[in-house]
Amino acid sequence: MFLKNLNKLEKSLWNSYVEFVGNDDDMAEMYAADRNDVLDVKAFYFAGLLNELKVKIDRMDTHPREGVVCAFAEDLGEDWVFENLGYEVL
């Protein structure tokens, strides 16, 4: 798949959700919400809605936002991330 690392992040969040569901529902809900954010990010990207993509990422919680930005940097390059999302990846 084209966005290999973003897909890996989504799968990791799903696995964390599954791990916590029934044991710690608050944590499960948090991971589900983070995964839904990643699904939204992917939808905006594939629809070519870069402004909406940037706004969505900017409004995400810090930890999943960092994961998404780093995944995009690995998949598309640091220059793409800076030019389209405004984040510098070190």
Protein backbone atom coordinates (compact mmCIF):
# COMPACT_ATOMS: atom_id res chain seq x y z
CA MET A 1 0.00 0.00 0.00
CA PHE A 2 1.14 3.52 -0.74
CA LEU A 3 0.93 4.83 2.84
CA LYS A 4 2.56 1.83 4.50
CA ASN A 5 3.50 3.56 7.76
CA LEU A 6 0.17 5.34 8.16
CA ASN A 7 -1.56 1.98 7.70
CA LYS A 8 0.76 0.48 10.31
CA LEU A 9 -0.22 3.23 12.74
CA GLU A 10 -3.91 2.56 12.11
CA LYS A 11 -3.42 -1.17 12.70
CA SER A 12 -1.47 -0.51 15.91
CA LEU A 13 -4.27 1.69 17.25
CA TRP A 14 -6.81 -1.01 16.37
CA ASN A 15 -4.74 -3.63 18.19
CA SER A 16 -4.54 -1.39 21.25
CA TYR A 17 -8.30 -0.89 21.14
CA VAL A 18 -8.85 -4.66 21.02
CA GLU A 19 -6.40 -5.14 23.90
CA PHE A 20 -8.29 -2.76 26.19
CA VAL A 21 -11.93 -3.35 25.21
CA GLY A 22 -13.73 -5.06 28.07
CA ASN A 23 -10.80 -4.46 30.44
CA ASP A 24 -10.45 -0.69 30.44
CA ASP A 25 -13.20 0.85 28.38
CA ASP A 26 -11.87 4.41 28.79
CA MET A 27 -8.55 3.40 27.22
CA ALA A 28 -10.37 1.43 24.52
CA GLU A 29 -12.45 4.49 23.64
CA MET A 30 -9.32 6.65 23.46
CA TYR A 31 -7.63 4.25 21.03
CA ALA A 32 -10.83 3.98 18.97
CA ALA A 33 -11.04 7.78 18.72
CA ASP A 34 -7.37 8.00 17.70
CA ARG A 35 -7.89 5.32 15.05
CA ASN A 36 -10.93 7.18 13.72
CA ASP A 37 -8.76 10.28 13.41
CA VAL A 38 -6.26 8.30 11.35
CA LEU A 39 -9.08 7.00 9.14
CA ASP A 40 -10.25 10.60 8.60
CA VAL A 41 -6.69 11.67 7.75
CA LYS A 42 -6.40 8.90 5.16
CA ALA A 43 -9.75 9.83 3.63
CA PHE A 44 -8.76 13.50 3.31
CA TYR A 45 -5.39 12.55 1.81
CA PHE A 46 -6.84 10.18 -0.80
CA ALA A 47 -9.57 12.71 -1.68
CA GLY A 48 -6.87 15.33 -2.30
CA LEU A 49 -8.29 17.60 0.42
CA LEU A 50 -4.97 18.86 1.74
CA ASN A 51 -6.38 21.89 3.57
CA GLU A 52 -8.89 19.70 5.42
CA LEU A 53 -6.11 17.19 6.07
CA LYS A 54 -3.91 19.85 7.66
CA VAL A 55 -6.77 21.20 9.80
CA LYS A 56 -7.66 17.68 10.98
CA ILE A 57 -4.05 16.91 11.92
CA ASP A 58 -3.63 20.27 13.67
CA ARG A 59 -6.68 19.54 15.85
CA MET A 60 -5.66 16.01 16.85
CA ASP A 61 -4.33 15.12 20.29
CA THR A 62 -0.56 15.45 20.53
CA HIS A 63 0.46 11.78 20.61
CA PRO A 64 -1.59 10.55 17.63
CA ARG A 65 -0.77 13.76 15.71
CA GLU A 66 2.94 13.07 16.12
CA GLY A 67 2.38 9.50 14.95
CA VAL A 68 0.53 10.69 11.84
CA VAL A 69 3.12 13.34 10.99
CA CYS A 70 5.98 10.87 11.41
CA ALA A 71 4.15 8.25 9.34
CA PHE A 72 3.61 10.76 6.53
CA ALA A 73 7.30 11.73 6.75
CA GLU A 74 8.31 8.09 6.38
CA ASP A 75 5.83 7.46 3.57
CA LEU A 76 6.08 10.70 1.59
CA GLY A 77 9.22 12.41 2.86
CA GLU A 78 10.03 15.22 5.24
CA ASP A 79 9.82 17.84 2.49
CA TRP A 80 6.24 16.83 1.65
CA VAL A 81 5.28 17.06 5.32
CA PHE A 82 6.79 20.53 5.68
CA GLU A 83 5.34 21.87 2.43
CA ASN A 84 1.83 20.45 2.90
CA LEU A 85 1.34 20.17 6.65
CA GLY A 86 3.74 22.78 7.99
CA TYR A 87 5.56 20.42 10.35
CA GLU A 88 9.30 20.01 10.47
CA VAL A 89 10.38 16.47 11.23
CA LEU A 90 13.79 16.21 12.86
